[in-house]
Amino acid sequence: MLKDSILKFFKIDGLIQNLSGYIEARAELLKHEIKEEISKSLSKLSLIFALIIIFLIALVFMSVSLAFYIGQILNHVLGFIIVGSIYLVMGIIIFIYRDAIAHRLEKKLKEIVEHKKK
């Protein structure tokens, strides 16, 4: 009772209610902002994933078509060996320079994220 009268005298009870209401409102706003960012990120990620799948399928069909074309010109099996060798060389090059490539990608992603924050 004494505590309540002191709080009312200094009008601290209203201040405490306002402060707690403000904190609750900020927490709800933060929850909504996090949900919005997650949904944006997931939608972009799913779009990127779909594009990767589509480009991989196109790459497979174009590779098989190129192998058949080279096979008609030279020898049926030789076309597939040539196309496979091209991918093998590309894979070896990427493997050799993987650290430099990873560093460049990391740097680019940091630039994109920092640009997004501004």
PDB file of N, CA and C in Angstrom:
ATOM      1  N   MET A   1       0.820  -1.183   0.000  1.00  0.00           N
ATOM      2  CA  MET A   1       0.000   0.000   0.000  1.00  0.00           C
ATOM      3  C   MET A   1       0.864   1.246   0.000  1.00  0.00           C
ATOM      4  N   LEU A   2       1.864   1.277   0.832  1.00  0.00           N
ATOM      5  CA  LEU A   2       2.786   2.406   0.871  1.00  0.00           C
ATOM      6  C   LEU A   2       3.527   2.527  -0.454  1.00  0.00           C
ATOM      7  N   LYS A   3       3.881   1.350  -0.995  1.00  0.00           N
ATOM      8  CA  LYS A   3       4.573   1.319  -2.284  1.00  0.00           C
ATOM      9  C   LYS A   3       3.697   1.905  -3.386  1.00  0.00           C
ATOM     10  N   ASP A   4       2.425   1.525  -3.410  1.00  0.00           N
ATOM     11  CA  ASP A   4       1.489   2.040  -4.414  1.00  0.00           C
ATOM     12  C   ASP A   4       1.304   3.540  -4.282  1.00  0.00           C
ATOM     13  N   SER A   5       1.228   4.029  -3.063  1.00  0.00           N
ATOM     14  CA  SER A   5       1.027   5.466  -2.873  1.00  0.00           C
ATOM     15  C   SER A   5       2.265   6.258  -3.274  1.00  0.00           C
ATOM     16  N   ILE A   6       3.446   5.692  -3.021  1.00  0.00           N
ATOM     17  CA  ILE A   6       4.680   6.375  -3.430  1.00  0.00           C
ATOM     18  C   ILE A   6       4.776   6.406  -4.953  1.00  0.00           C
ATOM     19  N   LEU A   7       4.432   5.262  -5.603  1.00  0.00           N
ATOM     20  CA  LEU A   7       4.473   5.215  -7.068  1.00  0.00           C
ATOM     21  C   LEU A   7       3.489   6.199  -7.674  1.00  0.00           C
ATOM     22  N   LYS A   8       2.295   6.301  -7.075  1.00  0.00           N
ATOM     23  CA  LYS A   8       1.296   7.238  -7.589  1.00  0.00           C
ATOM     24  C   LYS A   8       1.733   8.670  -7.356  1.00  0.00           C
ATOM     25  N   PHE A   9       2.390   8.902  -6.231  1.00  0.00           N
ATOM     26  CA  PHE A   9       2.824  10.257  -5.911  1.00  0.00           C
ATOM     27  C   PHE A   9       3.842  10.745  -6.941  1.00  0.00           C
ATOM     28  N   PHE A  10       4.754   9.910  -7.281  1.00  0.00           N
ATOM     29  CA  PHE A  10       5.770  10.305  -8.254  1.00  0.00           C
ATOM     30  C   PHE A  10       5.351   9.987  -9.689  1.00  0.00           C
ATOM     31  N   LYS A  11       4.145   9.449  -9.868  1.00  0.00           N
ATOM     32  CA  LYS A  11       3.590   9.089 -11.177  1.00  0.00           C
ATOM     33  C   LYS A  11       4.489   8.106 -11.922  1.00  0.00           C
ATOM     34  N   ILE A  12       5.111   7.270 -11.152  1.00  0.00           N
ATOM     35  CA  ILE A  12       5.996   6.279 -11.743  1.00  0.00           C
ATOM     36  C   ILE A  12       5.206   5.092 -12.272  1.00  0.00           C
ATOM     37  N   ASP A  13       4.039   4.815 -11.688  1.00  0.00           N
ATOM     38  CA  ASP A  13       3.252   3.674 -12.141  1.00  0.00           C
ATOM     39  C   ASP A  13       2.842   3.810 -13.603  1.00  0.00           C
ATOM     40  N   GLY A  14       2.466   5.014 -14.019  1.00  0.00           N
ATOM     41  CA  GLY A  14       2.121   5.252 -15.428  1.00  0.00           C
ATOM     42  C   GLY A  14       3.339   5.138 -16.323  1.00  0.00           C
ATOM     43  N   LEU A  15       4.470   5.609 -15.817  1.00  0.00           N
ATOM     44  CA  LEU A  15       5.711   5.527 -16.571  1.00  0.00           C
ATOM     45  C   LEU A  15       6.124   4.065 -16.770  1.00  0.00           C
ATOM     46  N   ILE A  16       5.959   3.267 -15.721  1.00  0.00           N
ATOM     47  CA  ILE A  16       6.299   1.846 -15.817  1.00  0.00           C
ATOM     48  C   ILE A  16       5.383   1.150 -16.814  1.00  0.00           C
ATOM     49  N   GLN A  17       4.092   1.470 -16.790  1.00  0.00           N
ATOM     50  CA  GLN A  17       3.150   0.873 -17.737  1.00  0.00           C
ATOM     51  C   GLN A  17       3.485   1.279 -19.173  1.00  0.00           C
ATOM     52  N   ASN A  18       3.813   2.550 -19.359  1.00  0.00           N
ATOM     53  CA  ASN A  18       4.179   3.031 -20.692  1.00  0.00           C
ATOM     54  C   ASN A  18       5.466   2.366 -21.185  1.00  0.00           C
ATOM     55  N   LEU A  19       6.420   2.242 -20.287  1.00  0.00           N
ATOM     56  CA  LEU A  19       7.684   1.615 -20.648  1.00  0.00           C
ATOM     57  C   LEU A  19       7.496   0.148 -20.996  1.00  0.00           C
ATOM     58  N   SER A  20       6.708  -0.556 -20.207  1.00  0.00           N
ATOM     59  CA  SER A  20       6.476  -1.971 -20.511  1.00  0.00           C
ATOM     60  C   SER A  20       5.683  -2.121 -21.813  1.00  0.00           C
ATOM     61  N   GLY A  21       4.737  -1.228 -22.056  1.00  0.00           N
ATOM     62  CA  GLY A  21       3.995  -1.244 -23.327  1.00  0.00           C
ATOM     63  C   GLY A  21       4.910  -0.967 -24.510  1.00  0.00           C
ATOM     64  N   TYR A  22       5.843  -0.031 -24.325  1.00  0.00           N
ATOM     65  CA  TYR A  22       6.794   0.298 -25.378  1.00  0.00           C
ATOM     66  C   TYR A  22       7.686  -0.897 -25.678  1.00  0.00           C
ATOM     67  N   ILE A  23       8.168  -1.563 -24.641  1.00  0.00           N
ATOM     68  CA  ILE A  23       9.038  -2.722 -24.821  1.00  0.00           C
ATOM     69  C   ILE A  23       8.285  -3.846 -25.535  1.00  0.00           C
ATOM     70  N   GLU A  24       7.034  -4.076 -25.162  1.00  0.00           N
ATOM     71  CA  GLU A  24       6.233  -5.107 -25.823  1.00  0.00           C
ATOM     72  C   GLU A  24       6.001  -4.772 -27.291  1.00  0.00           C
ATOM     73  N   ALA A  25       5.734  -3.498 -27.569  1.00  0.00           N
ATOM     74  CA  ALA A  25       5.501  -3.073 -28.951  1.00  0.00           C
ATOM     75  C   ALA A  25       6.769  -3.234 -29.782  1.00  0.00           C
ATOM     76  N   ARG A  26       7.914  -2.873 -29.201  1.00  0.00           N
ATOM     77  CA  ARG A  26       9.182  -3.028 -29.923  1.00  0.00           C
ATOM     78  C   ARG A  26       9.494  -4.505 -30.188  1.00  0.00           C
ATOM     79  N   ALA A  27       9.183  -5.353 -29.221  1.00  0.00           N
ATOM     80  CA  ALA A  27       9.419  -6.786 -29.395  1.00  0.00           C
ATOM     81  C   ALA A  27       8.544  -7.335 -30.520  1.00  0.00           C
ATOM     82  N   GLU A  28       7.281  -6.927 -30.565  1.00  0.00           N
ATOM     83  CA  GLU A  28       6.384  -7.375 -31.635  1.00  0.00           C
ATOM     84  C   GLU A  28       6.854  -6.863 -32.993  1.00  0.00           C
ATOM     85  N   LEU A  29       7.283  -5.604 -33.025  1.00  0.00           N
ATOM     86  CA  LEU A  29       7.794  -5.045 -34.273  1.00  0.00           C
ATOM     87  C   LEU A  29       9.033  -5.799 -34.740  1.00  0.00           C
ATOM     88  N   LEU A  30       9.906  -6.120 -33.816  1.00  0.00           N
ATOM     89  CA  LEU A  30      11.109  -6.876 -34.150  1.00  0.00           C
ATOM     90  C   LEU A  30      10.749  -8.266 -34.682  1.00  0.00           C
ATOM     91  N   LYS A  31       9.760  -8.910 -34.076  1.00  0.00           N
ATOM     92  CA  LYS A  31       9.312 -10.220 -34.553  1.00  0.00           C
ATOM     93  C   LYS A  31       8.812 -10.124 -35.988  1.00  0.00           C
ATOM     94  N   HIS A  32       8.014  -9.098 -36.260  1.00  0.00           N
ATOM     95  CA  HIS A  32       7.474  -8.930 -37.618  1.00  0.00           C
ATOM     96  C   HIS A  32       8.588  -8.630 -38.624  1.00  0.00           C
ATOM     97  N   GLU A  33       9.559  -7.807 -38.221  1.00  0.00           N
ATOM     98  CA  GLU A  33      10.668  -7.500 -39.119  1.00  0.00           C
ATOM     99  C   GLU A  33      11.500  -8.744 -39.407  1.00  0.00           C
ATOM    100  N   ILE A  34      11.727  -9.570 -38.395  1.00  0.00           N
ATOM    101  CA  ILE A  34      12.491 -10.800 -38.589  1.00  0.00           C
ATOM    102  C   ILE A  34      11.736 -11.748 -39.515  1.00  0.00           C
ATOM    103  N   LYS A  35      10.415 -11.882 -39.299  1.00  0.00           N
ATOM    104  CA  LYS A  35       9.608 -12.742 -40.166  1.00  0.00           C
ATOM    105  C   LYS A  35       9.654 -12.248 -41.613  1.00  0.00           C
ATOM    106  N   GLU A  36       9.602 -10.939 -41.792  1.00  0.00           N
ATOM    107  CA  GLU A  36       9.632 -10.372 -43.130  1.00  0.00           C
ATOM    108  C   GLU A  36      10.974 -10.639 -43.807  1.00  0.00           C
ATOM    109  N   GLU A  37      12.072 -10.450 -43.077  1.00  0.00           N
ATOM    110  CA  GLU A  37      13.395 -10.705 -43.640  1.00  0.00           C
ATOM    111  C   GLU A  37      13.579 -12.183 -43.979  1.00  0.00           C
ATOM    112  N   ILE A  38      13.087 -13.057 -43.112  1.00  0.00           N
ATOM    113  CA  ILE A  38      13.196 -14.494 -43.372  1.00  0.00           C
ATOM    114  C   ILE A  38      12.395 -14.870 -44.610  1.00  0.00           C
ATOM    115  N   SER A  39      11.181 -14.333 -44.732  1.00  0.00           N
ATOM    116  CA  SER A  39      10.365 -14.671 -45.901  1.00  0.00           C
ATOM    117  C   SER A  39      10.987 -14.128 -47.188  1.00  0.00           C
ATOM    118  N   LYS A  40      11.566 -12.926 -47.137  1.00  0.00           N
ATOM    119  CA  LYS A  40      12.244 -12.386 -48.317  1.00  0.00           C
ATOM    120  C   LYS A  40      13.437 -13.253 -48.689  1.00  0.00           C
ATOM    121  N   SER A  41      14.226 -13.626 -47.684  1.00  0.00           N
ATOM    122  CA  SER A  41      15.410 -14.436 -47.945  1.00  0.00           C
ATOM    123  C   SER A  41      15.029 -15.804 -48.502  1.00  0.00           C
ATOM    124  N   LEU A  42      14.012 -16.427 -47.937  1.00  0.00           N
ATOM    125  CA  LEU A  42      13.587 -17.734 -48.424  1.00  0.00           C
ATOM    126  C   LEU A  42      13.034 -17.663 -49.843  1.00  0.00           C
ATOM    127  N   SER A  43      12.308 -16.599 -50.140  1.00  0.00           N
ATOM    128  CA  SER A  43      11.777 -16.474 -51.502  1.00  0.00           C
ATOM    129  C   SER A  43      12.904 -16.269 -52.512  1.00  0.00           C
ATOM    130  N   LYS A  44      13.901 -15.457 -52.150  1.00  0.00           N
ATOM    131  CA  LYS A  44      15.040 -15.267 -53.045  1.00  0.00           C
ATOM    132  C   LYS A  44      15.830 -16.561 -53.192  1.00  0.00           C
ATOM    133  N   LEU A  45      16.009 -17.271 -52.090  1.00  0.00           N
ATOM    134  CA  LEU A  45      16.749 -18.521 -52.118  1.00  0.00           C
ATOM    135  C   LEU A  45      16.038 -19.562 -52.980  1.00  0.00           C
ATOM    136  N   SER A  46      14.723 -19.640 -52.863  1.00  0.00           N
ATOM    137  CA  SER A  46      13.978 -20.608 -53.677  1.00  0.00           C
ATOM    138  C   SER A  46      14.026 -20.233 -55.158  1.00  0.00           C
ATOM    139  N   LEU A  47      13.998 -18.953 -55.457  1.00  0.00           N
ATOM    140  CA  LEU A  47      14.110 -18.513 -56.852  1.00  0.00           C
ATOM    141  C   LEU A  47      15.492 -18.859 -57.410  1.00  0.00           C
ATOM    142  N   ILE A  48      16.529 -18.604 -56.634  1.00  0.00           N
ATOM    143  CA  ILE A  48      17.882 -18.934 -57.066  1.00  0.00           C
ATOM    144  C   ILE A  48      18.020 -20.442 -57.269  1.00  0.00           C
ATOM    145  N   PHE A  49      17.455 -21.219 -56.354  1.00  0.00           N
ATOM    146  CA  PHE A  49      17.512 -22.669 -56.464  1.00  0.00           C
ATOM    147  C   PHE A  49      16.804 -23.143 -57.733  1.00  0.00           C
ATOM    148  N   ALA A  50      15.651 -22.582 -58.029  1.00  0.00           N
ATOM    149  CA  ALA A  50      14.916 -22.962 -59.242  1.00  0.00           C
ATOM    150  C   ALA A  50      15.709 -22.594 -60.497  1.00  0.00           C
ATOM    151  N   LEU A  51      16.325 -21.417 -60.496  1.00  0.00           N
ATOM    152  CA  LEU A  51      17.131 -21.007 -61.651  1.00  0.00           C
ATOM    153  C   LEU A  51      18.343 -21.918 -61.839  1.00  0.00           C
ATOM    154  N   ILE A  52      18.966 -22.310 -60.731  1.00  0.00           N
ATOM    155  CA  ILE A  52      20.114 -23.213 -60.821  1.00  0.00           C
ATOM    156  C   ILE A  52      19.689 -24.546 -61.428  1.00  0.00           C
ATOM    157  N   ILE A  53      18.555 -25.074 -60.981  1.00  0.00           N
ATOM    158  CA  ILE A  53      18.050 -26.344 -61.518  1.00  0.00           C
ATOM    159  C   ILE A  53      17.786 -26.219 -63.024  1.00  0.00           C
ATOM    160  N   ILE A  54      17.138 -25.138 -63.424  1.00  0.00           N
ATOM    161  CA  ILE A  54      16.816 -24.932 -64.843  1.00  0.00           C
ATOM    162  C   ILE A  54      18.089 -24.823 -65.679  1.00  0.00           C
ATOM    163  N   PHE A  55      19.072 -24.039 -65.189  1.00  0.00           N
ATOM    164  CA  PHE A  55      20.320 -23.899 -65.941  1.00  0.00           C
ATOM    165  C   PHE A  55      21.104 -25.208 -65.987  1.00  0.00           C
ATOM    166  N   LEU A  56      21.064 -25.996 -64.911  1.00  0.00           N
ATOM    167  CA  LEU A  56      21.749 -27.290 -64.929  1.00  0.00           C
ATOM    168  C   LEU A  56      21.113 -28.250 -65.932  1.00  0.00           C
ATOM    169  N   ILE A  57      19.795 -28.254 -65.987  1.00  0.00           N
ATOM    170  CA  ILE A  57      19.117 -29.109 -66.963  1.00  0.00           C
ATOM    171  C   ILE A  57      19.461 -28.664 -68.384  1.00  0.00           C
ATOM    172  N   ALA A  58      19.454 -27.351 -68.621  1.00  0.00           N
ATOM    173  CA  ALA A  58      19.818 -26.838 -69.944  1.00  0.00           C
ATOM    174  C   ALA A  58      21.259 -27.193 -70.280  1.00  0.00           C
ATOM    175  N   LEU A  59      22.148 -27.090 -69.296  1.00  0.00           N
ATOM    176  CA  LEU A  59      23.550 -27.433 -69.524  1.00  0.00           C
ATOM    177  C   LEU A  59      23.721 -28.909 -69.872  1.00  0.00           C
ATOM    178  N   VAL A  60      22.976 -29.764 -69.210  1.00  0.00           N
ATOM    179  CA  VAL A  60      23.051 -31.199 -69.504  1.00  0.00           C
ATOM    180  C   VAL A  60      22.582 -31.469 -70.939  1.00  0.00           C
ATOM    181  N   PHE A  61      21.460 -30.883 -71.317  1.00  0.00           N
ATOM    182  CA  PHE A  61      20.955 -31.113 -72.682  1.00  0.00           C
ATOM    183  C   PHE A  61      21.906 -30.547 -73.736  1.00  0.00           C
ATOM    184  N   MET A  62      22.448 -29.361 -73.473  1.00  0.00           N
ATOM    185  CA  MET A  62      23.383 -28.787 -74.445  1.00  0.00           C
ATOM    186  C   MET A  62      24.666 -29.603 -74.526  1.00  0.00           C
ATOM    187  N   SER A  63      25.122 -30.141 -73.386  1.00  0.00           N
ATOM    188  CA  SER A  63      26.326 -30.971 -73.383  1.00  0.00           C
ATOM    189  C   SER A  63      26.105 -32.268 -74.158  1.00  0.00           C
ATOM    190  N   VAL A  64      24.978 -32.886 -73.938  1.00  0.00           N
ATOM    191  CA  VAL A  64      24.681 -34.124 -74.665  1.00  0.00           C
ATOM    192  C   VAL A  64      24.537 -33.826 -76.162  1.00  0.00           C
ATOM    193  N   SER A  65      23.890 -32.719 -76.495  1.00  0.00           N
ATOM    194  CA  SER A  65      23.745 -32.342 -77.906  1.00  0.00           C
ATOM    195  C   SER A  65      25.101 -32.082 -78.543  1.00  0.00           C
ATOM    196  N   LEU A  66      25.972 -31.376 -77.822  1.00  0.00           N
ATOM    197  CA  LEU A  66      27.311 -31.108 -78.345  1.00  0.00           C
ATOM    198  C   LEU A  66      28.098 -32.408 -78.509  1.00  0.00           C
ATOM    199  N   ALA A  67      27.960 -33.311 -77.545  1.00  0.00           N
ATOM    200  CA  ALA A  67      28.661 -34.592 -77.640  1.00  0.00           C
ATOM    201  C   ALA A  67      28.166 -35.394 -78.853  1.00  0.00           C
ATOM    202  N   PHE A  68      26.848 -35.409 -79.083  1.00  0.00           N
ATOM    203  CA  PHE A  68      26.323 -36.109 -80.262  1.00  0.00           C
ATOM    204  C   PHE A  68      26.800 -35.454 -81.556  1.00  0.00           C
ATOM    205  N   TYR A  69      26.835 -34.119 -81.572  1.00  0.00           N
ATOM    206  CA  TYR A  69      27.288 -33.404 -82.765  1.00  0.00           C
ATOM    207  C   TYR A  69      28.745 -33.723 -83.064  1.00  0.00           C
ATOM    208  N   ILE A  70      29.594 -33.651 -82.051  1.00  0.00           N
ATOM    209  CA  ILE A  70      31.010 -33.991 -82.248  1.00  0.00           C
ATOM    210  C   ILE A  70      31.145 -35.458 -82.629  1.00  0.00           C
ATOM    211  N   GLY A  71      30.299 -36.308 -82.015  1.00  0.00           N
ATOM    212  CA  GLY A  71      30.326 -37.733 -82.337  1.00  0.00           C
ATOM    213  C   GLY A  71      29.965 -38.012 -83.777  1.00  0.00           C
ATOM    214  N   GLN A  72      29.050 -37.244 -84.350  1.00  0.00           N
ATOM    215  CA  GLN A  72      28.691 -37.435 -85.757  1.00  0.00           C
ATOM    216  C   GLN A  72      29.837 -37.025 -86.666  1.00  0.00           C
ATOM    217  N   ILE A  73      30.551 -35.982 -86.246  1.00  0.00           N
ATOM    218  CA  ILE A  73      31.660 -35.503 -87.080  1.00  0.00           C
ATOM    219  C   ILE A  73      32.855 -36.452 -86.998  1.00  0.00           C
ATOM    220  N   LEU A  74      33.204 -36.867 -85.776  1.00  0.00           N
ATOM    221  CA  LEU A  74      34.411 -37.686 -85.607  1.00  0.00           C
ATOM    222  C   LEU A  74      34.093 -39.162 -85.411  1.00  0.00           C
ATOM    223  N   ASN A  75      33.633 -39.463 -84.231  1.00  0.00           N
ATOM    224  CA  ASN A  75      33.329 -40.842 -83.868  1.00  0.00           C
ATOM    225  C   ASN A  75      32.354 -40.752 -82.706  1.00  0.00           C
ATOM    226  N   HIS A  76      31.367 -41.614 -82.660  1.00  0.00           N
ATOM    227  CA  HIS A  76      30.293 -41.492 -81.667  1.00  0.00           C
ATOM    228  C   HIS A  76      30.812 -41.372 -80.233  1.00  0.00           C
ATOM    229  N   VAL A  77      31.725 -42.218 -79.835  1.00  0.00           N
ATOM    230  CA  VAL A  77      32.241 -42.207 -78.471  1.00  0.00           C
ATOM    231  C   VAL A  77      33.165 -41.017 -78.241  1.00  0.00           C
ATOM    232  N   LEU A  78      33.888 -40.627 -79.253  1.00  0.00           N
ATOM    233  CA  LEU A  78      34.855 -39.544 -79.124  1.00  0.00           C
ATOM    234  C   LEU A  78      34.191 -38.222 -78.750  1.00  0.00           C
ATOM    235  N   GLY A  79      32.988 -37.973 -79.199  1.00  0.00           N
ATOM    236  CA  GLY A  79      32.275 -36.743 -78.853  1.00  0.00           C
ATOM    237  C   GLY A  79      32.031 -36.630 -77.348  1.00  0.00           C
ATOM    238  N   PHE A  80      31.610 -37.736 -76.750  1.00  0.00           N
ATOM    239  CA  PHE A  80      31.372 -37.729 -75.313  1.00  0.00           C
ATOM    240  C   PHE A  80      32.679 -37.600 -74.529  1.00  0.00           C
ATOM    241  N   ILE A  81      33.740 -38.192 -75.050  1.00  0.00           N
ATOM    242  CA  ILE A  81      35.042 -38.073 -74.385  1.00  0.00           C
ATOM    243  C   ILE A  81      35.531 -36.629 -74.424  1.00  0.00           C
ATOM    244  N   ILE A  82      35.358 -35.953 -75.536  1.00  0.00           N
ATOM    245  CA  ILE A  82      35.802 -34.564 -75.665  1.00  0.00           C
ATOM    246  C   ILE A  82      35.001 -33.659 -74.719  1.00  0.00           C
ATOM    247  N   VAL A  83      33.692 -33.797 -74.724  1.00  0.00           N
ATOM    248  CA  VAL A  83      32.855 -32.956 -73.849  1.00  0.00           C
ATOM    249  C   VAL A  83      33.167 -33.259 -72.376  1.00  0.00           C
ATOM    250  N   GLY A  84      33.312 -34.522 -72.047  1.00  0.00           N
ATOM    251  CA  GLY A  84      33.666 -34.887 -70.676  1.00  0.00           C
ATOM    252  C   GLY A  84      35.021 -34.331 -70.277  1.00  0.00           C
ATOM    253  N   SER A  85      35.957 -34.332 -71.209  1.00  0.00           N
ATOM    254  CA  SER A  85      37.299 -33.796 -70.938  1.00  0.00           C
ATOM    255  C   SER A  85      37.255 -32.288 -70.694  1.00  0.00           C
ATOM    256  N   ILE A  86      36.400 -31.600 -71.435  1.00  0.00           N
ATOM    257  CA  ILE A  86      36.254 -30.156 -71.225  1.00  0.00           C
ATOM    258  C   ILE A  86      35.772 -29.884 -69.800  1.00  0.00           C
ATOM    259  N   TYR A  87      34.770 -30.637 -69.354  1.00  0.00           N
ATOM    260  CA  TYR A  87      34.279 -30.458 -67.987  1.00  0.00           C
ATOM    261  C   TYR A  87      35.332 -30.862 -66.959  1.00  0.00           C
ATOM    262  N   LEU A  88      36.104 -31.886 -67.259  1.00  0.00           N
ATOM    263  CA  LEU A  88      37.157 -32.315 -66.341  1.00  0.00           C
ATOM    264  C   LEU A  88      38.221 -31.229 -66.194  1.00  0.00           C
ATOM    265  N   VAL A  89      38.631 -30.635 -67.297  1.00  0.00           N
ATOM    266  CA  VAL A  89      39.621 -29.548 -67.252  1.00  0.00           C
ATOM    267  C   VAL A  89      39.066 -28.360 -66.477  1.00  0.00           C
ATOM    268  N   MET A  90      37.797 -28.008 -66.723  1.00  0.00           N
ATOM    269  CA  MET A  90      37.190 -26.900 -65.976  1.00  0.00           C
ATOM    270  C   MET A  90      37.155 -27.216 -64.484  1.00  0.00           C
ATOM    271  N   GLY A  91      36.821 -28.453 -64.133  1.00  0.00           N
ATOM    272  CA  GLY A  91      36.793 -28.861 -62.736  1.00  0.00           C
ATOM    273  C   GLY A  91      38.162 -28.794 -62.094  1.00  0.00           C
ATOM    274  N   ILE A  92      39.187 -29.216 -62.809  1.00  0.00           N
ATOM    275  CA  ILE A  92      40.555 -29.157 -62.286  1.00  0.00           C
ATOM    276  C   ILE A  92      40.991 -27.716 -62.075  1.00  0.00           C
ATOM    277  N   ILE A  93      40.677 -26.838 -63.023  1.00  0.00           N
ATOM    278  CA  ILE A  93      41.025 -25.416 -62.891  1.00  0.00           C
ATOM    279  C   ILE A  93      40.328 -24.812 -61.677  1.00  0.00           C
ATOM    280  N   ILE A  94      39.047 -25.102 -61.516  1.00  0.00           N
ATOM    281  CA  ILE A  94      38.309 -24.584 -60.357  1.00  0.00           C
ATOM    282  C   ILE A  94      38.891 -25.146 -59.062  1.00  0.00           C
ATOM    283  N   PHE A  95      39.272 -26.414 -59.064  1.00  0.00           N
ATOM    284  CA  PHE A  95      39.866 -27.029 -57.876  1.00  0.00           C
ATOM    285  C   PHE A  95      41.194 -26.368 -57.520  1.00  0.00           C
ATOM    286  N   ILE A  96      42.007 -26.095 -58.514  1.00  0.00           N
ATOM    287  CA  ILE A  96      43.312 -25.469 -58.264  1.00  0.00           C
ATOM    288  C   ILE A  96      43.147 -24.058 -57.708  1.00  0.00           C
ATOM    289  N   TYR A  97      42.227 -23.291 -58.265  1.00  0.00           N
ATOM    290  CA  TYR A  97      42.026 -21.902 -57.848  1.00  0.00           C
ATOM    291  C   TYR A  97      40.863 -21.736 -56.878  1.00  0.00           C
ATOM    292  N   ARG A  98      40.485 -22.785 -56.162  1.00  0.00           N
ATOM    293  CA  ARG A  98      39.311 -22.742 -55.292  1.00  0.00           C
ATOM    294  C   ARG A  98      39.436 -21.703 -54.178  1.00  0.00           C
ATOM    295  N   ASP A  99      40.639 -21.532 -53.598  1.00  0.00           N
ATOM    296  CA  ASP A  99      40.799 -20.548 -52.531  1.00  0.00           C
ATOM    297  C   ASP A  99      40.623 -19.128 -53.051  1.00  0.00           C
ATOM    298  N   ALA A 100      41.208 -18.845 -54.198  1.00  0.00           N
ATOM    299  CA  ALA A 100      41.073 -17.512 -54.786  1.00  0.00           C
ATOM    300  C   ALA A 100      39.626 -17.233 -55.188  1.00  0.00           C
ATOM    301  N   ILE A 101      38.974 -18.241 -55.735  1.00  0.00           N
ATOM    302  CA  ILE A 101      37.571 -18.088 -56.138  1.00  0.00           C
ATOM    303  C   ILE A 101      36.699 -17.861 -54.909  1.00  0.00           C
ATOM    304  N   ALA A 102      36.937 -18.647 -53.852  1.00  0.00           N
ATOM    305  CA  ALA A 102      36.154 -18.495 -52.619  1.00  0.00           C
ATOM    306  C   ALA A 102      36.379 -17.123 -52.011  1.00  0.00           C
ATOM    307  N   HIS A 103      37.620 -16.635 -52.037  1.00  0.00           N
ATOM    308  CA  HIS A 103      37.920 -15.312 -51.494  1.00  0.00           C
ATOM    309  C   HIS A 103      37.203 -14.221 -52.278  1.00  0.00           C
ATOM    310  N   ARG A 104      37.204 -14.342 -53.603  1.00  0.00           N
ATOM    311  CA  ARG A 104      36.511 -13.348 -54.434  1.00  0.00           C
ATOM    312  C   ARG A 104      35.006 -13.363 -54.189  1.00  0.00           C
ATOM    313  N   LEU A 105      34.431 -14.564 -54.089  1.00  0.00           N
ATOM    314  CA  LEU A 105      32.995 -14.668 -53.833  1.00  0.00           C
ATOM    315  C   LEU A 105      32.635 -14.078 -52.468  1.00  0.00           C
ATOM    316  N   GLU A 106      33.472 -14.368 -51.471  1.00  0.00           N
ATOM    317  CA  GLU A 106      33.224 -13.827 -50.133  1.00  0.00           C
ATOM    318  C   GLU A 106      33.289 -12.303 -50.145  1.00  0.00           C
ATOM    319  N   LYS A 107      34.270 -11.763 -50.856  1.00  0.00           N
ATOM    320  CA  LYS A 107      34.409 -10.309 -50.959  1.00  0.00           C
ATOM    321  C   LYS A 107      33.197  -9.688 -51.657  1.00  0.00           C
ATOM    322  N   LYS A 108      32.745 -10.326 -52.736  1.00  0.00           N
ATOM    323  CA  LYS A 108      31.569  -9.822 -53.463  1.00  0.00           C
ATOM    324  C   LYS A 108      30.323  -9.863 -52.593  1.00  0.00           C
ATOM    325  N   LEU A 109      30.130 -10.974 -51.866  1.00  0.00           N
ATOM    326  CA  LEU A 109      28.965 -11.087 -50.996  1.00  0.00           C
ATOM    327  C   LEU A 109      28.984 -10.039 -49.891  1.00  0.00           C
ATOM    328  N   LYS A 110      30.161  -9.765 -49.341  1.00  0.00           N
ATOM    329  CA  LYS A 110      30.270  -8.718 -48.322  1.00  0.00           C
ATOM    330  C   LYS A 110      29.884  -7.360 -48.897  1.00  0.00           C
ATOM    331  N   GLU A 111      30.336  -7.094 -50.124  1.00  0.00           N
ATOM    332  CA  GLU A 111      29.985  -5.831 -50.782  1.00  0.00           C
ATOM    333  C   GLU A 111      28.481  -5.728 -50.989  1.00  0.00           C
ATOM    334  N   ILE A 112      27.862  -6.821 -51.398  1.00  0.00           N
ATOM    335  CA  ILE A 112      26.416  -6.822 -51.624  1.00  0.00           C
ATOM    336  C   ILE A 112      25.677  -6.583 -50.327  1.00  0.00           C
ATOM    337  N   VAL A 113      26.096  -7.262 -49.257  1.00  0.00           N
ATOM    338  CA  VAL A 113      25.437  -7.108 -47.963  1.00  0.00           C
ATOM    339  C   VAL A 113      25.623  -5.699 -47.419  1.00  0.00           C
ATOM    340  N   GLU A 114      26.828  -5.151 -47.521  1.00  0.00           N
ATOM    341  CA  GLU A 114      27.072  -3.793 -47.042  1.00  0.00           C
ATOM    342  C   GLU A 114      26.309  -2.776 -47.861  1.00  0.00           C
ATOM    343  N   HIS A 115      26.198  -2.988 -49.151  1.00  0.00           N
ATOM    344  CA  HIS A 115      25.424  -2.076 -50.009  1.00  0.00           C
ATOM    345  C   HIS A 115      23.948  -2.137 -49.643  1.00  0.00           C
ATOM    346  N   LYS A 116      23.466  -3.328 -49.273  1.00  0.00           N
ATOM    347  CA  LYS A 116      22.066  -3.512 -48.905  1.00  0.00           C
ATOM    348  C   LYS A 116      21.734  -2.781 -47.603  1.00  0.00           C
ATOM    349  N   LYS A 117      22.703  -2.706 -46.680  1.00  0.00           N
ATOM    350  CA  LYS A 117      22.481  -2.059 -45.389  1.00  0.00           C
ATOM    351  C   LYS A 117      22.340  -0.553 -45.546  1.00  0.00           C
ATOM    352  N   LYS A 118      22.979   0.023 -46.567  1.00  0.00           N
ATOM    353  CA  LYS A 118      22.957   1.491 -46.737  1.00  0.00           C
ATOM    354  C   LYS A 118      21.658   1.983 -47.242  1.00  0.00           C
TER     355      LYS A 118
END
